[in-house]
């Protein structure tokens, strides 16, 4: 199983999405394609193998990324429930909407054993959430500045943008009030 982990990002920045391998047989190499991200304002910047014995390469073609991971030295991934094999670095367009999700889904997976035989495989996609509940000023941290902003929204001193409303409505009840403030204080 190839699995992409869920991550959060901020428009105008890069985000690293871990690629996990869970295997019952020895794996010598793999190839896959991922799509969905290009329609939501993301592009691939880099593939980063987490094991020095393996090389990772990629190409973007027709709004999908094709990735390949292999070892010139003959290294293998032994059977394990969890191998963090790669980080796929995406750049998030600065015009992407806070509160939206960028889908990441596998179109295909191809996995090889050490003899070059195909091993049955599949991929489990994920997504990148833009912004984070509670980070109302979108600086990448949840702190007292966010609490002050939410208080001002709750007492109608300031009017939130759609993105600020999404980040402030911690309990998803469609309102910004003391319930959100208390939950945000507990996060901080």
N, C-alpha and C. Protein backbone atom coordinates (compact mmCIF):
# COMPACT_ATOMS: atom_id res chain seq x y z
N UNK A 1 0.85 -1.17 0.00
CA UNK A 1 0.00 0.00 0.00
C UNK A 1 0.89 1.23 0.00
N UNK A 2 0.65 2.13 -0.91
CA UNK A 2 1.27 3.45 -0.90
C UNK A 2 0.24 4.42 -0.35
N UNK A 3 0.63 5.23 0.61
CA UNK A 3 -0.31 6.13 1.26
C UNK A 3 0.31 7.51 1.38
N UNK A 4 -0.49 8.53 1.05
CA UNK A 4 -0.09 9.92 1.25
C UNK A 4 -0.69 10.39 2.56
N UNK A 5 0.12 11.02 3.41
CA UNK A 5 -0.40 11.52 4.68
C UNK A 5 -1.04 12.89 4.49
N UNK A 6 -2.04 13.18 5.29
CA UNK A 6 -2.72 14.47 5.29
C UNK A 6 -1.79 15.53 5.86
N UNK A 7 -1.76 16.70 5.22
CA UNK A 7 -0.96 17.81 5.71
C UNK A 7 -1.74 19.11 5.61
N UNK A 8 -1.22 20.15 6.21
CA UNK A 8 -1.80 21.48 6.07
C UNK A 8 -0.76 22.40 5.47
N UNK A 9 -1.24 23.41 4.75
CA UNK A 9 -0.34 24.36 4.13
C UNK A 9 -0.98 25.74 4.09
N UNK A 10 -0.21 26.70 3.67
CA UNK A 10 -0.65 28.08 3.57
C UNK A 10 -0.38 28.54 2.14
N UNK A 11 -1.33 29.24 1.51
CA UNK A 11 -1.08 29.75 0.16
C UNK A 11 0.21 30.57 0.09
N UNK A 12 0.93 30.39 -1.02
CA UNK A 12 2.19 31.10 -1.21
C UNK A 12 3.37 30.43 -0.54
N UNK A 13 3.23 29.18 -0.14
CA UNK A 13 4.33 28.48 0.53
C UNK A 13 4.42 27.04 0.02
N UNK A 14 5.45 26.36 0.48
CA UNK A 14 5.65 24.94 0.14
C UNK A 14 5.19 24.07 1.29
N UNK A 15 4.74 22.87 0.96
CA UNK A 15 4.31 21.91 1.98
C UNK A 15 4.85 20.54 1.59
N UNK A 16 5.29 19.79 2.60
CA UNK A 16 5.84 18.45 2.39
C UNK A 16 4.77 17.41 2.72
N UNK A 17 4.50 16.53 1.75
CA UNK A 17 3.52 15.46 1.95
C UNK A 17 4.27 14.13 2.04
N UNK A 18 4.25 13.49 3.22
CA UNK A 18 4.94 12.20 3.37
C UNK A 18 4.28 11.09 2.55
N UNK A 19 5.12 10.27 1.89
CA UNK A 19 4.67 9.09 1.17
C UNK A 19 5.08 7.87 1.99
N UNK A 20 4.10 7.06 2.36
CA UNK A 20 4.32 5.92 3.24
C UNK A 20 4.12 4.62 2.47
N UNK A 21 4.99 3.65 2.69
CA UNK A 21 4.86 2.31 2.12
C UNK A 21 4.57 1.34 3.24
N UNK A 22 3.53 0.55 3.06
CA UNK A 22 3.20 -0.55 3.98
C UNK A 22 3.23 -1.81 3.13
N UNK A 23 4.17 -2.72 3.44
CA UNK A 23 4.36 -3.87 2.56
C UNK A 23 4.53 -5.18 3.33
N UNK A 24 4.01 -6.25 2.71
CA UNK A 24 4.13 -7.59 3.28
C UNK A 24 5.22 -8.40 2.59
N UNK A 25 5.72 -7.87 1.47
CA UNK A 25 6.80 -8.50 0.73
C UNK A 25 7.94 -7.50 0.58
N UNK A 26 9.13 -8.00 0.28
CA UNK A 26 10.28 -7.12 0.03
C UNK A 26 10.03 -6.30 -1.23
N UNK A 27 10.27 -4.99 -1.15
CA UNK A 27 10.04 -4.07 -2.27
C UNK A 27 11.38 -3.48 -2.70
N UNK A 28 11.66 -3.56 -4.02
CA UNK A 28 12.91 -3.03 -4.56
C UNK A 28 12.70 -1.71 -5.31
N UNK A 29 11.49 -1.46 -5.75
CA UNK A 29 11.22 -0.21 -6.49
C UNK A 29 9.74 -0.02 -6.68
N UNK A 30 9.37 1.22 -6.97
CA UNK A 30 7.96 1.51 -7.22
C UNK A 30 7.80 2.69 -8.14
N UNK A 31 6.65 2.71 -8.79
CA UNK A 31 6.28 3.79 -9.68
C UNK A 31 4.80 4.08 -9.46
N UNK A 32 4.41 5.34 -9.62
CA UNK A 32 3.03 5.72 -9.35
C UNK A 32 2.73 7.05 -10.03
N UNK A 33 1.45 7.37 -10.11
CA UNK A 33 1.08 8.71 -10.55
C UNK A 33 0.02 9.26 -9.61
N UNK A 34 0.07 10.58 -9.40
CA UNK A 34 -0.84 11.29 -8.50
C UNK A 34 -1.42 12.47 -9.26
N UNK A 35 -2.71 12.71 -9.09
CA UNK A 35 -3.33 13.88 -9.70
C UNK A 35 -4.32 14.51 -8.73
N UNK A 36 -5.01 15.53 -9.21
CA UNK A 36 -5.99 16.25 -8.41
C UNK A 36 -5.48 17.60 -7.95
N UNK A 37 -4.21 17.69 -7.60
CA UNK A 37 -3.62 18.88 -7.01
C UNK A 37 -3.58 20.07 -7.98
N UNK A 38 -3.35 19.82 -9.25
CA UNK A 38 -3.17 20.91 -10.21
C UNK A 38 -4.44 21.75 -10.39
N UNK A 39 -5.60 21.11 -10.23
CA UNK A 39 -6.87 21.83 -10.40
C UNK A 39 -7.12 22.81 -9.27
N UNK A 40 -6.42 22.66 -8.15
CA UNK A 40 -6.64 23.50 -6.97
C UNK A 40 -5.47 24.44 -6.68
N UNK A 41 -4.59 24.63 -7.66
CA UNK A 41 -3.53 25.62 -7.49
C UNK A 41 -2.27 25.14 -6.82
N UNK A 42 -1.92 23.89 -7.00
CA UNK A 42 -0.67 23.37 -6.43
C UNK A 42 0.18 22.80 -7.56
N UNK A 43 1.47 22.79 -7.34
CA UNK A 43 2.40 22.18 -8.29
C UNK A 43 3.49 21.47 -7.51
N UNK A 44 4.09 20.47 -8.13
CA UNK A 44 5.16 19.71 -7.47
C UNK A 44 6.48 20.47 -7.64
N UNK A 45 7.18 20.65 -6.52
CA UNK A 45 8.50 21.30 -6.54
C UNK A 45 9.63 20.29 -6.51
N UNK A 46 9.42 19.17 -5.79
CA UNK A 46 10.54 18.26 -5.56
C UNK A 46 10.06 16.94 -4.99
N UNK A 47 10.78 15.89 -5.26
CA UNK A 47 10.64 14.60 -4.59
C UNK A 47 11.89 14.43 -3.74
N UNK A 48 11.73 13.97 -2.52
CA UNK A 48 12.85 13.86 -1.60
C UNK A 48 12.83 12.47 -0.94
N UNK A 49 13.70 11.58 -1.40
CA UNK A 49 13.79 10.25 -0.81
C UNK A 49 14.28 10.38 0.63
N UNK A 50 13.69 9.62 1.53
CA UNK A 50 14.09 9.66 2.94
C UNK A 50 15.15 8.61 3.26
N UNK A 51 15.54 7.81 2.27
CA UNK A 51 16.55 6.78 2.45
C UNK A 51 17.67 7.04 1.45
N UNK A 52 18.90 7.25 1.93
CA UNK A 52 20.02 7.58 1.06
C UNK A 52 20.33 6.49 0.04
N UNK A 53 19.88 5.29 0.27
CA UNK A 53 20.15 4.18 -0.63
C UNK A 53 19.18 4.15 -1.82
N UNK A 54 18.15 4.99 -1.78
CA UNK A 54 17.15 5.03 -2.84
C UNK A 54 17.17 6.38 -3.54
N UNK A 55 16.91 6.34 -4.83
CA UNK A 55 16.77 7.55 -5.64
C UNK A 55 15.30 7.77 -5.94
N UNK A 56 14.91 9.03 -6.00
CA UNK A 56 13.54 9.39 -6.34
C UNK A 56 13.57 10.38 -7.49
N UNK A 57 12.71 10.17 -8.46
CA UNK A 57 12.62 11.07 -9.60
C UNK A 57 11.16 11.23 -9.98
N UNK A 58 10.86 12.32 -10.68
CA UNK A 58 9.47 12.57 -11.06
C UNK A 58 9.40 13.42 -12.33
N UNK A 59 8.22 13.46 -12.90
CA UNK A 59 7.91 14.33 -14.02
C UNK A 59 6.43 14.69 -13.93
N UNK A 60 6.12 15.95 -14.22
CA UNK A 60 4.72 16.36 -14.28
C UNK A 60 4.30 16.34 -15.74
N UNK A 61 3.17 15.68 -16.00
CA UNK A 61 2.68 15.51 -17.36
C UNK A 61 1.16 15.49 -17.33
N UNK A 62 0.54 16.36 -18.10
CA UNK A 62 -0.92 16.41 -18.21
C UNK A 62 -1.61 16.48 -16.84
N UNK A 63 -1.16 17.41 -15.99
CA UNK A 63 -1.75 17.69 -14.68
C UNK A 63 -1.70 16.50 -13.72
N UNK A 64 -0.66 15.69 -13.86
CA UNK A 64 -0.39 14.64 -12.89
C UNK A 64 1.12 14.51 -12.75
N UNK A 65 1.53 13.98 -11.61
CA UNK A 65 2.94 13.74 -11.39
C UNK A 65 3.18 12.24 -11.44
N UNK A 66 4.23 11.86 -12.16
CA UNK A 66 4.64 10.46 -12.24
C UNK A 66 5.92 10.34 -11.43
N UNK A 67 5.90 9.49 -10.42
CA UNK A 67 7.05 9.32 -9.54
C UNK A 67 7.63 7.93 -9.64
N UNK A 68 8.93 7.84 -9.39
CA UNK A 68 9.60 6.54 -9.40
C UNK A 68 10.66 6.55 -8.30
N UNK A 69 10.76 5.44 -7.58
CA UNK A 69 11.73 5.30 -6.49
C UNK A 69 12.41 3.94 -6.67
N UNK A 70 13.75 3.95 -6.67
CA UNK A 70 14.52 2.73 -6.91
C UNK A 70 15.90 2.87 -6.28
N UNK A 71 16.64 1.77 -6.24
CA UNK A 71 17.99 1.78 -5.67
C UNK A 71 18.98 1.25 -6.70
N UNK A 72 20.00 2.04 -6.99
CA UNK A 72 21.07 1.58 -7.87
C UNK A 72 21.98 0.58 -7.16
N UNK A 73 21.96 0.60 -5.82
CA UNK A 73 22.81 -0.29 -5.03
C UNK A 73 22.13 -1.62 -4.69
N UNK A 74 20.90 -1.82 -5.12
CA UNK A 74 20.19 -3.06 -4.83
C UNK A 74 19.52 -3.09 -3.47
N UNK A 75 19.34 -1.93 -2.84
CA UNK A 75 18.67 -1.88 -1.54
C UNK A 75 17.19 -2.21 -1.71
N UNK A 76 16.59 -2.68 -0.63
CA UNK A 76 15.17 -3.03 -0.65
C UNK A 76 14.51 -2.51 0.63
N UNK A 77 13.20 -2.39 0.56
CA UNK A 77 12.40 -2.11 1.74
C UNK A 77 11.90 -3.45 2.26
N UNK A 78 12.33 -3.87 3.46
CA UNK A 78 11.86 -5.15 4.01
C UNK A 78 10.39 -5.03 4.41
N UNK A 79 9.70 -6.15 4.57
CA UNK A 79 8.30 -6.09 4.99
C UNK A 79 8.14 -5.28 6.29
N UNK A 80 7.17 -4.37 6.27
CA UNK A 80 6.92 -3.51 7.42
C UNK A 80 5.57 -2.82 7.26
N UNK A 81 4.95 -2.49 8.38
CA UNK A 81 3.69 -1.75 8.34
C UNK A 81 3.91 -0.28 7.99
N UNK A 82 5.16 0.22 8.17
CA UNK A 82 5.38 1.65 7.99
C UNK A 82 6.80 1.96 7.54
N UNK A 83 6.94 2.39 6.31
CA UNK A 83 8.20 2.94 5.78
C UNK A 83 7.89 4.34 5.26
N UNK A 84 8.47 5.35 5.84
CA UNK A 84 8.35 6.72 5.31
C UNK A 84 9.40 6.82 4.21
N UNK A 85 8.99 6.63 2.96
CA UNK A 85 9.96 6.47 1.88
C UNK A 85 10.29 7.75 1.12
N UNK A 86 9.41 8.75 1.18
CA UNK A 86 9.61 9.92 0.36
C UNK A 86 8.79 11.09 0.90
N UNK A 87 9.23 12.30 0.59
CA UNK A 87 8.44 13.50 0.82
C UNK A 87 8.21 14.14 -0.54
N UNK A 88 6.96 14.41 -0.84
CA UNK A 88 6.64 15.11 -2.09
C UNK A 88 6.38 16.56 -1.69
N UNK A 89 7.17 17.46 -2.23
CA UNK A 89 7.07 18.87 -1.88
C UNK A 89 6.19 19.57 -2.92
N UNK A 90 5.09 20.15 -2.44
CA UNK A 90 4.17 20.90 -3.30
C UNK A 90 4.29 22.38 -3.00
N UNK A 91 4.17 23.21 -4.03
CA UNK A 91 4.05 24.65 -3.85
C UNK A 91 2.57 25.00 -3.98
N UNK A 92 2.05 25.77 -3.01
CA UNK A 92 0.65 26.18 -3.01
C UNK A 92 0.57 27.60 -3.57
N UNK A 93 -0.20 27.77 -4.62
CA UNK A 93 -0.36 29.08 -5.24
C UNK A 93 -0.86 30.10 -4.22
N UNK A 94 -0.33 31.32 -4.29
CA UNK A 94 -0.71 32.36 -3.33
C UNK A 94 -2.18 32.77 -3.45
N UNK A 95 -2.84 32.42 -4.55
CA UNK A 95 -4.26 32.76 -4.73
C UNK A 95 -5.20 31.62 -4.32
N UNK A 96 -4.66 30.53 -3.81
CA UNK A 96 -5.50 29.42 -3.35
C UNK A 96 -6.32 29.87 -2.14
N UNK A 97 -7.49 29.31 -1.97
CA UNK A 97 -8.42 29.72 -0.91
C UNK A 97 -8.14 29.02 0.41
N UNK A 98 -7.97 29.83 1.47
CA UNK A 98 -7.86 29.29 2.82
C UNK A 98 -9.16 28.55 3.14
N UNK A 99 -9.03 27.40 3.78
CA UNK A 99 -10.19 26.60 4.13
C UNK A 99 -10.54 25.56 3.09
N UNK A 100 -9.90 25.62 1.93
CA UNK A 100 -10.17 24.61 0.91
C UNK A 100 -9.21 23.44 1.08
N UNK A 101 -9.48 22.39 0.36
CA UNK A 101 -8.63 21.20 0.38
C UNK A 101 -8.12 20.90 -1.02
N UNK A 102 -6.87 20.56 -1.10
CA UNK A 102 -6.27 20.16 -2.37
C UNK A 102 -6.21 18.64 -2.39
N UNK A 103 -6.97 18.01 -3.30
CA UNK A 103 -7.00 16.55 -3.33
C UNK A 103 -5.73 15.96 -3.94
N UNK A 104 -5.34 14.83 -3.42
CA UNK A 104 -4.21 14.07 -3.93
C UNK A 104 -4.68 12.62 -4.08
N UNK A 105 -4.81 12.14 -5.30
CA UNK A 105 -5.23 10.76 -5.47
C UNK A 105 -4.31 10.03 -6.44
N UNK A 106 -4.17 8.74 -6.19
CA UNK A 106 -3.33 7.90 -7.03
C UNK A 106 -4.13 7.47 -8.26
N UNK A 107 -3.50 7.59 -9.43
CA UNK A 107 -4.09 7.06 -10.66
C UNK A 107 -3.66 5.62 -10.87
N UNK A 108 -2.42 5.32 -10.50
CA UNK A 108 -1.95 3.94 -10.56
C UNK A 108 -0.75 3.77 -9.64
N UNK A 109 -0.48 2.54 -9.27
CA UNK A 109 0.73 2.18 -8.53
C UNK A 109 1.32 0.93 -9.20
N UNK A 110 2.63 0.84 -9.21
CA UNK A 110 3.32 -0.32 -9.75
C UNK A 110 4.51 -0.58 -8.82
N UNK A 111 4.53 -1.76 -8.21
CA UNK A 111 5.55 -2.10 -7.22
C UNK A 111 6.29 -3.35 -7.66
N UNK A 112 7.62 -3.34 -7.46
CA UNK A 112 8.47 -4.45 -7.90
C UNK A 112 9.14 -5.12 -6.71
N UNK A 113 9.26 -6.45 -6.79
CA UNK A 113 10.09 -7.16 -5.81
C UNK A 113 11.54 -7.09 -6.29
N UNK A 114 12.46 -7.72 -5.59
CA UNK A 114 13.89 -7.62 -5.93
C UNK A 114 14.26 -8.35 -7.22
N UNK A 115 13.34 -9.17 -7.77
CA UNK A 115 13.60 -9.86 -9.04
C UNK A 115 12.97 -9.15 -10.23
N UNK A 116 12.28 -8.06 -9.97
CA UNK A 116 11.61 -7.33 -11.06
C UNK A 116 10.21 -7.82 -11.35
N UNK A 117 9.64 -8.59 -10.43
CA UNK A 117 8.27 -9.08 -10.59
C UNK A 117 7.30 -8.10 -9.92
N UNK A 118 6.14 -7.93 -10.54
CA UNK A 118 5.15 -7.03 -9.98
C UNK A 118 4.53 -7.62 -8.71
N UNK A 119 4.37 -6.75 -7.71
CA UNK A 119 3.69 -7.07 -6.47
C UNK A 119 2.35 -6.34 -6.50
N UNK A 120 1.30 -7.02 -6.14
CA UNK A 120 -0.01 -6.38 -6.09
C UNK A 120 0.05 -5.15 -5.18
N UNK A 121 -0.53 -4.04 -5.66
CA UNK A 121 -0.45 -2.80 -4.88
C UNK A 121 -1.64 -1.90 -5.17
N UNK A 122 -1.81 -0.93 -4.30
CA UNK A 122 -2.79 0.14 -4.52
C UNK A 122 -2.36 1.37 -3.72
N UNK A 123 -2.95 2.50 -4.06
CA UNK A 123 -2.62 3.74 -3.38
C UNK A 123 -3.80 4.30 -2.62
N UNK A 124 -3.51 4.96 -1.50
CA UNK A 124 -4.53 5.64 -0.72
C UNK A 124 -4.18 7.12 -0.72
N UNK A 125 -5.03 7.90 -1.39
CA UNK A 125 -4.80 9.32 -1.52
C UNK A 125 -5.07 10.08 -0.24
N UNK A 126 -4.95 11.38 -0.32
CA UNK A 126 -5.14 12.24 0.84
C UNK A 126 -5.47 13.64 0.33
N UNK A 127 -5.19 14.63 1.16
CA UNK A 127 -5.39 16.01 0.74
C UNK A 127 -4.52 16.95 1.59
N UNK A 128 -4.38 18.14 1.07
CA UNK A 128 -3.69 19.21 1.78
C UNK A 128 -4.76 20.22 2.17
N UNK A 129 -4.93 20.47 3.46
CA UNK A 129 -5.87 21.49 3.92
C UNK A 129 -5.14 22.82 3.95
N UNK A 130 -5.77 23.83 3.35
CA UNK A 130 -5.16 25.15 3.33
C UNK A 130 -5.61 25.94 4.55
N UNK A 131 -4.66 26.31 5.36
CA UNK A 131 -4.95 26.99 6.60
C UNK A 131 -5.16 25.99 7.71
N UNK A 132 -5.36 26.53 8.91
CA UNK A 132 -5.58 25.65 10.05
C UNK A 132 -6.58 26.33 10.97
N UNK A 133 -7.54 25.56 11.44
CA UNK A 133 -8.55 26.10 12.36
C UNK A 133 -7.84 26.75 13.53
N UNK A 134 -8.20 27.98 13.81
CA UNK A 134 -7.60 28.72 14.92
C UNK A 134 -6.52 29.70 14.50
N UNK A 135 -5.88 29.46 13.35
CA UNK A 135 -4.86 30.38 12.86
C UNK A 135 -5.55 31.45 12.01
N UNK A 136 -6.17 32.39 12.69
CA UNK A 136 -7.03 33.37 12.04
C UNK A 136 -6.24 34.40 11.23
N UNK A 137 -5.01 34.71 11.65
CA UNK A 137 -4.21 35.67 10.89
C UNK A 137 -3.27 35.00 9.89
N UNK A 138 -3.35 33.68 9.79
CA UNK A 138 -2.64 32.88 8.79
C UNK A 138 -1.13 33.08 8.80
N UNK A 139 -0.58 33.13 10.02
CA UNK A 139 0.87 33.24 10.14
C UNK A 139 1.54 31.90 10.44
N UNK A 140 0.74 30.82 10.43
CA UNK A 140 1.29 29.49 10.68
C UNK A 140 1.35 29.11 12.14
N UNK A 141 0.89 29.98 13.04
CA UNK A 141 0.89 29.71 14.48
C UNK A 141 -0.48 30.04 15.05
N UNK A 142 -0.85 29.32 16.10
CA UNK A 142 -2.07 29.64 16.84
C UNK A 142 -1.62 30.23 18.17
N UNK A 143 -1.98 31.51 18.40
CA UNK A 143 -1.51 32.18 19.60
C UNK A 143 -2.50 33.27 20.03
N UNK A 144 -2.07 34.12 20.96
CA UNK A 144 -2.93 35.16 21.53
C UNK A 144 -3.42 36.14 20.47
N UNK A 145 -2.64 36.37 19.43
CA UNK A 145 -3.07 37.27 18.35
C UNK A 145 -4.34 36.75 17.69
N UNK A 146 -4.43 35.44 17.53
CA UNK A 146 -5.63 34.84 16.95
C UNK A 146 -6.82 34.98 17.90
N UNK A 147 -6.58 34.80 19.19
CA UNK A 147 -7.66 34.93 20.18
C UNK A 147 -8.23 36.36 20.15
N UNK A 148 -7.36 37.35 20.13
CA UNK A 148 -7.82 38.75 20.10
C UNK A 148 -8.67 39.00 18.85
N UNK A 149 -8.24 38.48 17.73
CA UNK A 149 -8.99 38.66 16.49
C UNK A 149 -10.36 38.01 16.57
N UNK A 150 -10.44 36.80 17.10
CA UNK A 150 -11.72 36.10 17.22
C UNK A 150 -12.64 36.84 18.19
N UNK A 151 -12.11 37.37 19.27
CA UNK A 151 -12.92 38.17 20.21
C UNK A 151 -13.54 39.35 19.46
N UNK A 152 -12.74 40.03 18.66
CA UNK A 152 -13.26 41.17 17.89
C UNK A 152 -14.35 40.76 16.90
N UNK A 153 -14.22 39.57 16.33
CA UNK A 153 -15.29 39.07 15.45
C UNK A 153 -16.54 38.74 16.26
N UNK A 154 -16.36 38.13 17.42
CA UNK A 154 -17.50 37.70 18.25
C UNK A 154 -18.31 38.88 18.76
N UNK A 155 -17.65 40.01 19.02
CA UNK A 155 -18.38 41.19 19.52
C UNK A 155 -18.69 42.18 18.39
N UNK A 156 -18.50 41.75 17.16
CA UNK A 156 -18.82 42.53 15.96
C UNK A 156 -18.05 43.83 15.85
N UNK A 157 -16.84 43.88 16.42
CA UNK A 157 -15.96 45.04 16.24
C UNK A 157 -15.32 45.00 14.86
N UNK A 158 -15.05 43.80 14.39
CA UNK A 158 -14.47 43.60 13.06
C UNK A 158 -15.30 42.58 12.30
N UNK A 159 -15.27 42.68 10.99
CA UNK A 159 -15.99 41.75 10.11
C UNK A 159 -14.98 40.79 9.48
N UNK A 160 -15.16 39.48 9.68
CA UNK A 160 -14.19 38.53 9.11
C UNK A 160 -14.39 38.34 7.61
N UNK A 161 -13.29 38.09 6.90
CA UNK A 161 -13.40 37.62 5.52
C UNK A 161 -13.89 36.17 5.56
N UNK A 162 -14.20 35.61 4.42
CA UNK A 162 -14.63 34.20 4.40
C UNK A 162 -13.56 33.28 4.97
N UNK A 163 -12.30 33.54 4.64
CA UNK A 163 -11.20 32.71 5.16
C UNK A 163 -11.05 32.87 6.66
N UNK A 164 -11.15 34.11 7.16
CA UNK A 164 -11.04 34.35 8.60
C UNK A 164 -12.21 33.70 9.34
N UNK A 165 -13.40 33.74 8.74
CA UNK A 165 -14.56 33.10 9.37
C UNK A 165 -14.32 31.59 9.50
N UNK A 166 -13.83 30.99 8.42
CA UNK A 166 -13.56 29.56 8.44
C UNK A 166 -12.57 29.22 9.56
N UNK A 167 -11.50 29.99 9.69
CA UNK A 167 -10.48 29.71 10.71
C UNK A 167 -10.98 30.01 12.12
N UNK A 168 -11.94 30.92 12.26
CA UNK A 168 -12.45 31.32 13.58
C UNK A 168 -13.55 30.42 14.11
N UNK A 169 -14.32 29.80 13.23
CA UNK A 169 -15.46 28.96 13.64
C UNK A 169 -14.95 27.57 14.03
N UNK A 170 -14.31 27.51 15.19
CA UNK A 170 -13.61 26.30 15.64
C UNK A 170 -14.57 25.11 15.76
N UNK A 171 -15.79 25.35 16.22
CA UNK A 171 -16.73 24.24 16.42
C UNK A 171 -17.67 24.01 15.24
N UNK A 172 -17.45 24.70 14.15
CA UNK A 172 -18.21 24.51 12.90
C UNK A 172 -19.72 24.68 13.07
N UNK A 173 -20.16 25.62 13.92
CA UNK A 173 -21.60 25.81 14.08
C UNK A 173 -22.14 26.98 13.26
N UNK A 174 -21.29 27.58 12.44
CA UNK A 174 -21.72 28.68 11.59
C UNK A 174 -21.75 30.03 12.28
N UNK A 175 -21.25 30.10 13.50
CA UNK A 175 -21.20 31.36 14.25
C UNK A 175 -19.84 31.51 14.91
N UNK A 176 -19.45 32.77 15.15
CA UNK A 176 -18.23 33.03 15.91
C UNK A 176 -18.68 33.62 17.24
N UNK A 177 -18.39 32.88 18.31
CA UNK A 177 -18.86 33.32 19.63
C UNK A 177 -17.94 32.76 20.72
N UNK A 178 -18.38 32.87 21.97
CA UNK A 178 -17.58 32.46 23.12
C UNK A 178 -17.20 30.99 23.06
N UNK A 179 -18.03 30.16 22.45
CA UNK A 179 -17.70 28.73 22.33
C UNK A 179 -16.41 28.55 21.53
N UNK A 180 -16.28 29.30 20.45
CA UNK A 180 -15.05 29.24 19.65
C UNK A 180 -13.86 29.80 20.41
N UNK A 181 -14.09 30.89 21.14
CA UNK A 181 -13.00 31.52 21.90
C UNK A 181 -12.45 30.57 22.96
N UNK A 182 -13.33 29.91 23.70
CA UNK A 182 -12.88 28.98 24.74
C UNK A 182 -12.12 27.81 24.10
N UNK A 183 -12.63 27.28 23.00
CA UNK A 183 -11.91 26.18 22.33
C UNK A 183 -10.55 26.64 21.82
N UNK A 184 -10.49 27.88 21.32
CA UNK A 184 -9.22 28.40 20.83
C UNK A 184 -8.24 28.61 21.99
N UNK A 185 -8.72 29.08 23.11
CA UNK A 185 -7.86 29.22 24.31
C UNK A 185 -7.31 27.86 24.72
N UNK A 186 -8.14 26.84 24.66
CA UNK A 186 -7.68 25.49 25.01
C UNK A 186 -6.62 24.99 24.05
N UNK A 187 -6.71 25.36 22.78
CA UNK A 187 -5.68 24.98 21.81
C UNK A 187 -4.36 25.67 22.14
N UNK A 188 -4.46 26.97 22.46
CA UNK A 188 -3.24 27.73 22.77
C UNK A 188 -2.64 27.21 24.07
